[in-house]
Amino acid sequence: MKLKFSLNQRSGIANPFIILVALISLGAVGYYTIASRLSSQSDLLKTATRHQDQVSEVLPNKAKNLFRPSVVNNKQPIQISELSKGAPTIFPSPSIAKPQPVRSGLFGQSCEGSGVSKLKTFPIDIKNIELIVPMGRVQDSHVTPTDHQYIIPVGTVSGSLVTDNPKKYSIKAPADGNIIIIELFKEPVESQYRNQAYSDNYLVVFEHSCDLYTRLIHIDTLSERILASFSFRDPSSQHPYASMRIPVKEGEIIGTVGPHSFDFQIMDANVKDKNLISPQNIDNFSAYTVDTFDYLADSLRGELLFKNLTKTKPLGGRIGYDIPGTLAGNWFLTGRSSARENYWTNNLSIVYDHLDLTQIRVSLGNFGGYPKAFGVVSNAPDPSRVGVGSGLIKYELTKFDYYSGANKWDGLHFAENLMAKNNGEVAGVVLFELVDVNNLKVEVFPGQTGSQVSGFTGAALLYER
């Protein structure tokens, strides 16, 4: 019997073979449609991944998460299961976000935010401040002018950091930001003071934005939250150090201090002191130190000025005195060691007093084995007027004191109109001669007078800047 492939018109039932062929054809069309769409999505993901790899080659690891190939045009990733839905799936063209620059902060850290705003909060309550000493003092290991103010709390009785109440005063974060550096001082920096009473104290650096920073030194304790948020790299060292990012809010209590002096400093990464020729020979960030009173909100500024020892500008003091081609400013021993330990022994500065700008200060990193700062007998010649060709300059060095009117100042209580006066006691002689604009010949004669010193000997040293 011959088989006929035809539709049975009466019954309306399709021939089974014809149905099978139709199903196979439909399946093939569906397969190629799905395969085509899968291929398109695969190409899209490969393109996004390729862009990510290219960006990752030039950005630090912390920036790589800016690019996620599963997110395109800020839309949710397309799921493979959507291909089986009746509605057509639209694949957007690959679009990679433009890389944002990763900023490096003043201390080499990755930083957050930008801009500078005036502080509305001071680290210690104003009522607890006895006085504020402006920047620029030269004394002991601060051979070059200090890049921070000294805050003297009420009740301070000596220059010692050891008190009977190290938690007497709260120390607050001056603005929102992050603590990025903490250092612990277990002993005095200068070896000659290590046999004296001493207690552990902390240095804390705040990043308020990529542009604005504050620093505190000689804080007695840190809060439990801060202590639990970091660990020192080498806890057994004499000066353990740690870098971190601990978020803080303005006014948050981050520690305490007893009735003794502590340091405060503000740095603006956009403002560099042009009167410091070689800040890298001290601390590079020192060049970005600014006048505290220029960075305080008006109400806070007015209250703090009552505690400030000087009423003449710059109100916060100054640290840069370098004048190219003259004797004035900072100098550094030629051929010095690059080791950080006791670095100040290689330093020298010829500047002016931080409280009485009329008085010359000669600050020596090594005067008979100790760092010392002196006045100059007759207060002349002016170092800013000594240049190449001035020849040999001889300064007789003398001790000095401060007076408020006829009263000698004790350095611990607020006083008005302070003036510096040499006491007439000659401690030694120093000879200077500018060899050229960048090199200075120096020799120090401790315990001698001007009449005993006639010129350089073979012990003379060369300094540079």
Protein backbone atom coordinates (compact mmCIF):
# COMPACT_ATOMS: atom_id res chain seq x y z
CA MET A 1 0.00 0.00 0.00
CA LYS A 2 1.39 3.42 -0.99
CA LEU A 3 1.62 6.02 1.74
CA LYS A 4 0.28 9.48 0.96
CA PHE A 5 1.42 12.59 2.85
CA SER A 6 -1.69 14.75 2.85
CA LEU A 7 -4.06 16.45 5.19
CA ASN A 8 -7.22 14.57 5.94
CA GLN A 9 -9.66 17.36 5.18
CA ARG A 10 -12.51 15.68 6.88
CA SER A 11 -10.93 15.13 10.22
CA GLY A 12 -8.78 18.35 10.15
CA ILE A 13 -5.89 16.45 11.78
CA ALA A 14 -2.38 17.23 10.47
CA ASN A 15 -0.11 14.48 9.26
CA PRO A 16 2.32 13.55 12.09
CA PHE A 17 5.42 13.87 9.89
CA ILE A 18 4.48 17.40 8.82
CA ILE A 19 4.06 18.40 12.49
CA LEU A 20 7.50 17.01 13.39
CA VAL A 21 9.19 18.99 10.61
CA ALA A 22 7.46 22.19 11.70
CA LEU A 23 8.56 21.76 15.32
CA ILE A 24 12.20 21.19 14.33
CA SER A 25 12.16 24.35 12.21
CA LEU A 26 10.76 26.47 15.03
CA GLY A 27 13.31 25.08 17.49
CA ALA A 28 16.19 25.97 15.20
CA VAL A 29 15.00 29.57 14.87
CA GLY A 30 14.66 29.90 18.67
CA TYR A 31 18.10 28.39 19.28
CA TYR A 32 19.86 30.80 16.92
CA THR A 33 17.96 33.78 18.40
CA ILE A 34 19.02 32.88 21.95
CA ALA A 35 22.59 32.07 20.91
CA SER A 36 22.86 35.41 19.13
CA ARG A 37 21.70 37.28 22.22
CA LEU A 38 24.01 35.32 24.51
CA SER A 39 26.91 36.14 22.21
CA SER A 40 26.01 39.86 22.33
CA GLN A 41 25.95 39.85 26.14
CA SER A 42 29.23 37.97 26.30
CA ASP A 43 30.86 40.57 24.02
CA LEU A 44 29.47 43.35 26.20
CA LEU A 45 30.90 41.88 29.41
CA LYS A 46 34.25 41.25 27.73
CA THR A 47 34.37 44.89 26.60
CA ALA A 48 33.62 46.19 30.11
CA THR A 49 36.17 43.82 31.63
CA ARG A 50 38.79 44.91 29.10
CA HIS A 51 38.18 48.56 30.05
CA GLN A 52 38.49 47.66 33.73
CA ASP A 53 41.81 45.90 33.16
CA GLN A 54 43.15 48.92 31.27
CA VAL A 55 42.14 51.30 34.05
CA SER A 56 43.48 48.95 36.74
CA GLU A 57 46.93 49.13 35.20
CA VAL A 58 47.17 52.86 35.87
CA LEU A 59 45.18 53.29 39.10
CA PRO A 60 46.10 52.17 42.63
CA ASN A 61 44.35 49.11 44.04
CA LYS A 62 42.01 51.26 46.14
CA ALA A 63 40.64 52.84 42.96
CA LYS A 64 39.92 49.58 41.09
CA ASN A 65 36.52 49.13 42.67
CA LEU A 66 35.37 52.23 40.82
CA PHE A 67 34.83 49.97 37.82
CA ARG A 68 32.51 46.96 38.00
CA PRO A 69 31.83 45.14 34.67
CA SER A 70 28.47 43.91 36.00
CA VAL A 71 27.10 47.45 35.98
CA VAL A 72 26.75 49.28 32.69
CA ASN A 73 25.42 52.82 32.32
CA ASN A 74 24.56 52.67 36.05
CA LYS A 75 21.88 50.01 35.33
CA GLN A 76 21.49 46.66 37.06
CA PRO A 77 23.27 43.72 35.39
CA ILE A 78 21.24 41.89 32.76
CA GLN A 79 20.29 38.36 33.85
CA ILE A 80 20.56 35.43 31.40
CA SER A 81 17.07 34.27 32.49
CA GLU A 82 15.58 37.40 30.92
CA LEU A 83 16.36 36.02 27.45
CA SER A 84 13.53 33.51 27.75
CA LYS A 85 10.94 36.20 28.43
CA GLY A 86 8.54 37.27 25.72
CA ALA A 87 9.58 40.96 25.72
CA PRO A 88 12.69 41.77 23.70
CA THR A 89 15.91 42.41 25.72
CA ILE A 90 17.81 45.62 24.90
CA PHE A 91 21.56 45.65 25.45
CA PRO A 92 22.95 49.18 25.99
CA SER A 93 26.26 50.14 24.44
CA PRO A 94 29.21 49.73 26.85
CA SER A 95 29.98 53.02 28.63
CA ILE A 96 32.76 53.24 31.23
CA ALA A 97 32.76 56.06 33.79
CA LYS A 98 35.59 58.54 33.47
CA PRO A 99 38.28 57.74 36.07
CA GLN A 100 38.32 60.16 38.98
CA PRO A 101 41.80 61.32 40.10
CA VAL A 102 43.03 59.74 43.33
CA ARG A 103 44.55 62.52 45.47
CA SER A 104 47.56 62.13 47.66
CA GLY A 105 47.58 64.10 50.89
CA LEU A 106 50.23 66.26 52.52
CA PHE A 107 51.62 63.25 54.37
CA GLY A 108 51.60 60.94 51.35
CA GLN A 109 48.31 59.30 52.29
CA SER A 110 45.21 58.75 50.17
CA CYS A 111 42.93 61.55 51.31
CA GLU A 112 39.27 62.53 51.15
CA GLY A 113 37.52 65.79 50.35
CA SER A 114 38.87 69.17 49.39
CA GLY A 115 38.73 72.76 50.51
CA VAL A 116 39.52 74.70 53.66
CA SER A 117 37.08 76.06 56.22
CA LYS A 118 37.71 78.03 59.41
CA LEU A 119 37.75 76.12 62.67
CA LYS A 120 34.86 76.68 65.08
CA THR A 121 36.27 74.39 67.78
CA PHE A 122 39.61 74.55 69.58
CA PRO A 123 41.25 71.37 70.96
CA ILE A 124 40.92 72.59 74.57
CA ASP A 125 38.19 74.74 76.09
CA ILE A 126 39.20 78.40 76.07
CA LYS A 127 38.45 78.77 79.78
CA ASN A 128 41.18 76.20 80.47
CA ILE A 129 43.91 78.11 78.60
CA GLU A 130 46.34 80.29 80.52
CA LEU A 131 48.25 81.56 77.49
CA ILE A 132 49.25 80.85 73.90
CA VAL A 133 52.87 81.14 72.75
CA PRO A 134 53.21 82.05 69.04
CA MET A 135 55.21 79.99 66.57
CA GLY A 136 58.87 80.65 65.88
CA ARG A 137 60.53 80.04 69.23
CA VAL A 138 64.09 78.68 69.09
CA GLN A 139 65.10 76.63 72.11
CA ASP A 140 66.88 73.34 72.79
CA SER A 141 66.21 70.82 69.98
CA HIS A 142 64.00 73.38 68.22
CA VAL A 143 67.08 74.85 66.58
CA THR A 144 65.02 76.15 63.69
CA PRO A 145 61.88 78.17 64.53
CA THR A 146 59.05 76.00 65.83
CA ASP A 147 56.24 75.26 63.37
CA HIS A 148 53.65 75.06 66.15
CA GLN A 149 52.15 77.13 68.93
CA TYR A 150 52.45 76.23 72.59
CA ILE A 151 49.19 76.03 74.52
CA ILE A 152 49.73 76.48 78.27
CA PRO A 153 46.75 75.23 80.32
CA VAL A 154 45.60 76.84 83.56
CA GLY A 155 47.49 75.41 86.54
CA THR A 156 50.76 74.70 84.73
CA VAL A 157 53.60 75.05 87.24
CA SER A 158 56.68 73.92 85.30
CA GLY A 159 57.98 72.84 81.92
CA SER A 160 57.70 69.18 82.86
CA LEU A 161 55.25 66.83 81.13
CA VAL A 162 54.76 64.92 84.37
CA THR A 163 51.71 66.07 86.33
CA ASP A 164 49.54 64.56 89.05
CA ASN A 165 46.45 64.71 86.83
CA PRO A 166 47.09 63.72 83.19
CA LYS A 167 43.33 63.53 82.55
CA LYS A 168 42.50 66.98 83.85
CA TYR A 169 41.57 68.57 80.51
CA SER A 170 39.68 67.04 77.57
CA ILE A 171 41.22 67.29 74.11
CA LYS A 172 38.77 67.55 71.20
CA ALA A 173 38.90 67.07 67.45
CA PRO A 174 38.90 70.64 66.02
CA ALA A 175 36.78 69.62 62.98
CA ASP A 176 35.30 66.62 61.20
CA GLY A 177 37.84 64.40 59.49
CA ASN A 178 40.15 61.47 60.11
CA ILE A 179 43.07 60.80 62.42
CA ILE A 180 45.81 59.65 60.05
CA ILE A 181 48.96 59.50 62.21
CA ILE A 182 49.61 58.66 65.85
CA GLU A 183 53.05 58.51 67.43
CA LEU A 184 53.93 57.63 71.02
CA PHE A 185 56.85 59.34 72.76
CA LYS A 186 58.25 57.06 75.46
CA GLU A 187 61.24 59.26 76.22
CA PRO A 188 62.48 62.78 75.56
CA VAL A 189 63.79 63.39 72.06
CA GLU A 190 67.02 64.87 73.39
CA SER A 191 69.32 62.40 75.13
CA GLN A 192 70.51 64.93 77.73
CA TYR A 193 67.01 65.10 79.22
CA ARG A 194 66.37 61.34 79.43
CA ASN A 195 67.43 61.14 83.07
CA GLN A 196 64.63 63.50 84.08
CA ALA A 197 61.04 62.64 85.02
CA TYR A 198 59.04 61.81 81.90
CA SER A 199 55.75 60.17 80.96
CA ASP A 200 54.38 58.72 77.73
CA ASN A 201 52.59 61.18 75.47
CA TYR A 202 51.13 61.19 71.98
CA LEU A 203 51.40 63.04 68.69
CA VAL A 204 48.16 63.08 66.67
CA VAL A 205 47.63 64.32 63.10
CA PHE A 206 44.13 65.08 61.75
CA GLU A 207 43.19 65.24 58.06
CA HIS A 208 40.12 67.45 57.71
CA SER A 209 40.33 67.36 53.90
CA CYS A 210 43.04 66.80 51.33
CA ASP A 211 43.92 70.47 51.90
CA LEU A 212 43.53 71.09 55.66
CA TYR A 213 45.38 69.39 58.54
CA THR A 214 45.92 69.95 62.26
CA ARG A 215 48.50 68.42 64.58
CA LEU A 216 48.67 67.98 68.36
CA ILE A 217 51.77 66.96 70.34
CA HIS A 218 52.23 65.94 74.00
CA ILE A 219 48.71 64.61 74.59
CA ASP A 220 48.73 62.46 77.75
CA THR A 221 45.99 59.93 76.98
CA LEU A 222 43.83 58.80 74.07
CA SER A 223 40.18 57.75 74.30
CA GLU A 224 39.27 54.08 74.44
CA ARG A 225 37.69 54.28 70.99
CA ILE A 226 40.82 55.76 69.43
CA LEU A 227 43.13 53.27 71.16
CA ALA A 228 40.99 50.35 69.97
CA SER A 229 41.08 51.60 66.36
CA PHE A 230 44.78 51.13 65.54
CA SER A 231 47.96 49.29 66.43
CA PHE A 232 51.57 50.47 66.32
CA ARG A 233 53.91 48.98 63.74
CA ASP A 234 56.62 48.37 66.33
CA PRO A 235 55.18 48.74 69.86
CA SER A 236 58.53 47.94 71.49
CA SER A 237 60.37 50.90 69.93
CA GLN A 238 60.99 54.10 71.84
CA HIS A 239 58.80 56.03 69.41
CA PRO A 240 56.09 53.68 68.10
CA TYR A 241 54.35 54.99 64.98
CA ALA A 242 51.09 54.16 63.22
CA SER A 243 49.23 55.42 60.17
CA MET A 244 45.49 54.83 59.88
CA ARG A 245 42.14 56.41 59.09
CA ILE A 246 39.98 56.87 62.18
CA PRO A 247 36.88 59.00 61.48
CA VAL A 248 36.24 61.75 64.04
CA LYS A 249 33.57 64.40 64.44
CA GLU A 250 34.10 68.01 65.43
CA GLY A 251 34.19 68.34 69.21
CA GLU A 252 34.65 64.60 69.82
CA ILE A 253 36.88 63.97 72.85
CA ILE A 254 39.88 62.06 71.52
CA GLY A 255 42.07 62.26 74.64
CA THR A 256 43.20 64.26 77.64
CA VAL A 257 46.10 66.40 78.80
CA GLY A 258 47.35 67.41 82.23
CA PRO A 259 48.33 70.95 83.29
CA HIS A 260 51.39 71.19 81.06
CA SER A 261 52.28 72.70 77.69
CA PHE A 262 51.14 71.00 74.49
CA ASP A 263 51.59 71.90 70.81
CA PHE A 264 49.05 72.90 68.18
CA GLN A 265 49.61 73.42 64.44
CA ILE A 266 47.48 74.05 61.33
CA MET A 267 48.65 73.18 57.81
CA ASP A 268 47.11 74.22 54.48
CA ALA A 269 48.38 72.19 51.52
CA ASN A 270 47.60 75.11 49.19
CA VAL A 271 49.75 77.66 51.04
CA LYS A 272 53.51 77.23 50.99
CA ASP A 273 55.87 79.44 53.00
CA LYS A 274 58.20 81.10 50.47
CA ASN A 275 60.53 82.13 53.30
CA LEU A 276 61.69 78.54 53.86
CA ILE A 277 64.27 77.65 51.22
CA SER A 278 64.86 74.01 52.24
CA PRO A 279 61.98 72.73 54.41
CA GLN A 280 62.89 69.14 53.51
CA ASN A 281 65.90 69.51 55.80
CA ILE A 282 63.51 69.94 58.76
CA ASP A 283 60.04 68.53 57.99
CA ASN A 284 58.63 69.07 54.52
CA PHE A 285 55.13 69.72 55.86
CA SER A 286 56.50 72.60 57.96
CA ALA A 287 56.44 74.75 54.82
CA TYR A 288 52.63 74.49 54.78
CA THR A 289 52.18 75.70 58.35
CA VAL A 290 49.86 78.70 58.54
CA ASP A 291 48.95 81.35 61.09
CA THR A 292 46.39 79.71 63.37
CA PHE A 293 44.44 82.94 63.82
CA ASP A 294 43.80 83.19 60.08
CA TYR A 295 42.01 79.82 60.21
CA LEU A 296 39.67 80.40 63.13
CA ALA A 297 36.03 81.47 62.95
CA ASP A 298 35.64 85.11 64.06
CA SER A 299 34.05 84.40 67.45
CA LEU A 300 36.67 81.80 68.37
CA ARG A 301 39.48 83.98 67.08
CA GLY A 302 38.43 86.92 69.22
CA GLU A 303 38.34 84.87 72.42
CA LEU A 304 41.70 83.19 71.79
CA LEU A 305 43.47 86.47 71.02
CA PHE A 306 42.97 87.45 74.66
CA LYS A 307 45.19 84.47 75.55
CA ASN A 308 47.84 85.17 72.89
CA LEU A 309 51.16 86.66 74.02
CA THR A 310 51.55 88.93 71.01
CA LYS A 311 49.08 91.44 69.60
CA THR A 312 51.13 92.33 66.50
CA LYS A 313 50.98 90.52 63.17
CA PRO A 314 51.61 87.79 62.39
CA LEU A 315 49.48 86.96 65.41
CA GLY A 316 50.27 83.25 65.30
CA GLY A 317 53.98 83.84 64.79
CA ARG A 318 56.20 82.98 61.83
CA ILE A 319 58.76 80.31 61.03
CA GLY A 320 60.28 81.39 57.71
CA TYR A 321 63.18 83.86 57.84
CA ASP A 322 65.31 82.71 54.90
CA ILE A 323 66.52 85.60 52.74
CA PRO A 324 68.57 84.39 49.76
CA GLY A 325 72.06 85.84 49.61
CA THR A 326 72.07 86.88 53.28
CA LEU A 327 72.96 85.39 56.64
CA ALA A 328 69.32 85.35 57.81
CA GLY A 329 67.46 82.07 58.11
CA ASN A 330 68.14 78.35 58.44
CA TRP A 331 71.39 76.56 57.60
CA PHE A 332 72.35 72.87 57.57
CA LEU A 333 75.71 71.17 58.05
CA THR A 334 77.27 70.17 54.73
CA GLY A 335 77.92 66.42 54.52
CA ARG A 336 75.53 65.67 57.41
CA SER A 337 74.14 62.20 57.99
CA SER A 338 70.70 61.50 56.55
CA ALA A 339 69.71 59.68 59.76
CA ARG A 340 66.72 61.20 61.52
CA GLU A 341 68.11 60.59 64.99
CA ASN A 342 69.32 63.84 66.60
CA TYR A 343 68.94 65.65 63.26
CA TRP A 344 68.84 69.05 64.96
CA THR A 345 72.55 68.79 65.84
CA ASN A 346 73.21 69.55 62.16
CA ASN A 347 71.01 72.67 62.16
CA LEU A 348 71.71 76.35 62.64
CA SER A 349 69.45 79.39 62.44
CA ILE A 350 70.01 83.14 62.59
CA VAL A 351 66.55 84.63 63.05
CA TYR A 352 64.53 86.97 65.31
CA ASP A 353 62.80 86.41 68.63
CA HIS A 354 59.25 85.02 68.46
CA LEU A 355 57.97 87.50 71.07
CA ASP A 356 60.22 90.48 70.37
CA LEU A 357 61.04 90.73 66.68
CA THR A 358 63.63 93.45 67.32
CA GLN A 359 66.01 90.92 68.90
CA ILE A 360 68.44 88.70 66.97
CA ARG A 361 68.57 84.99 67.83
CA VAL A 362 71.46 82.65 67.04
CA SER A 363 70.33 79.05 67.53
CA LEU A 364 72.99 76.33 67.36
CA GLY A 365 72.43 72.57 67.14
CA ASN A 366 75.77 71.90 68.75
CA PHE A 367 77.07 74.36 71.30
CA GLY A 368 79.54 72.48 73.49
CA GLY A 369 77.57 69.28 72.89
CA TYR A 370 74.08 70.75 73.45
CA PRO A 371 71.54 72.65 71.33
CA LYS A 372 71.32 76.24 72.57
CA ALA A 373 69.80 79.58 71.50
CA PHE A 374 71.31 82.97 72.36
CA GLY A 375 70.93 86.68 71.98
CA VAL A 376 73.70 88.82 70.44
CA VAL A 377 75.68 91.41 72.37
CA SER A 378 74.74 94.88 71.04
CA ASN A 379 72.09 93.12 68.90
CA ALA A 380 74.10 93.77 65.71
CA PRO A 381 74.81 93.41 62.86
CA ASP A 382 71.36 92.63 61.46
CA PRO A 383 71.65 89.21 59.71
CA SER A 384 69.31 90.31 56.92
CA ARG A 385 71.92 92.93 55.95
CA VAL A 386 74.90 90.56 55.97
CA GLY A 387 75.63 89.25 52.49
CA VAL A 388 78.36 87.78 50.32
CA GLY A 389 81.28 90.17 50.53
CA SER A 390 80.47 91.30 54.08
CA GLY A 391 83.50 89.37 55.29
CA LEU A 392 83.93 87.87 58.75
CA ILE A 393 81.00 88.42 61.16
CA LYS A 394 81.63 87.96 64.88
CA TYR A 395 78.74 87.58 67.30
CA GLU A 396 79.24 87.47 71.06
CA LEU A 397 76.51 85.19 72.38
CA THR A 398 74.56 86.07 75.48
CA LYS A 399 71.66 84.71 77.51
CA PHE A 400 68.42 86.67 77.66
CA ASP A 401 65.17 87.01 79.61
CA TYR A 402 61.69 88.41 79.02
CA TYR A 403 60.12 91.29 80.91
CA SER A 404 56.63 92.71 81.22
CA GLY A 405 57.39 96.24 82.28
CA ALA A 406 59.90 95.97 85.14
CA ASN A 407 58.86 92.42 86.01
CA LYS A 408 60.73 89.38 84.79
CA TRP A 409 58.35 86.93 83.11
CA ASP A 410 58.11 83.36 84.48
CA GLY A 411 56.96 81.87 81.17
CA LEU A 412 53.92 80.19 82.76
CA HIS A 413 51.42 82.99 83.30
CA PHE A 414 49.89 85.41 80.85
CA ALA A 415 51.67 88.79 80.63
CA GLU A 416 51.25 91.89 78.50
CA ASN A 417 53.78 93.69 76.27
CA LEU A 418 56.66 91.25 76.67
CA MET A 419 60.13 92.45 75.69
CA ALA A 420 63.37 90.46 75.47
CA LYS A 421 66.51 91.76 77.17
CA ASN A 422 70.04 90.38 77.04
CA ASN A 423 71.38 89.78 80.53
CA GLY A 424 75.01 90.66 79.68
CA GLU A 425 76.40 87.21 80.47
CA VAL A 426 78.60 86.14 77.52
CA ALA A 427 78.33 82.41 76.84
CA GLY A 428 80.63 82.22 73.83
CA VAL A 429 81.42 83.47 70.34
CA VAL A 430 80.37 82.39 66.85
CA LEU A 431 82.02 83.39 63.56
CA PHE A 432 80.14 83.52 60.25
CA GLU A 433 81.25 84.22 56.70
CA LEU A 434 79.14 83.78 53.58
CA VAL A 435 81.29 81.95 51.04
CA ASP A 436 78.55 82.37 48.44
CA VAL A 437 74.75 82.62 48.44
CA ASN A 438 74.34 78.95 49.37
CA ASN A 439 77.33 78.24 51.62
CA LEU A 440 78.24 79.57 55.06
CA LYS A 441 81.49 79.09 56.97
CA VAL A 442 80.90 78.68 60.72
CA GLU A 443 82.95 78.20 63.88
CA VAL A 444 81.71 78.19 67.48
CA PHE A 445 83.83 79.05 70.55
CA PRO A 446 81.93 78.14 73.76
CA GLY A 447 83.08 79.92 76.90
CA GLN A 448 85.18 82.53 75.11
CA THR A 449 84.72 86.27 74.60
CA GLY A 450 85.08 88.40 71.51
CA SER A 451 88.56 89.59 72.45
CA GLN A 452 89.77 85.99 72.66
CA VAL A 453 88.67 85.09 69.12
CA SER A 454 90.37 86.62 66.09
CA GLY A 455 89.49 84.32 63.22
CA PHE A 456 88.68 80.84 61.92
CA THR A 457 90.74 77.80 62.84
CA GLY A 458 90.98 74.37 61.26
CA ALA A 459 87.81 73.38 63.17
CA ALA A 460 85.56 75.62 61.07
CA LEU A 461 82.58 73.90 59.39
CA LEU A 462 80.64 74.55 56.21
CA TYR A 463 76.84 74.88 56.20
CA GLU A 464 74.43 75.02 53.27
CA ARG A 465 70.77 75.57 52.40
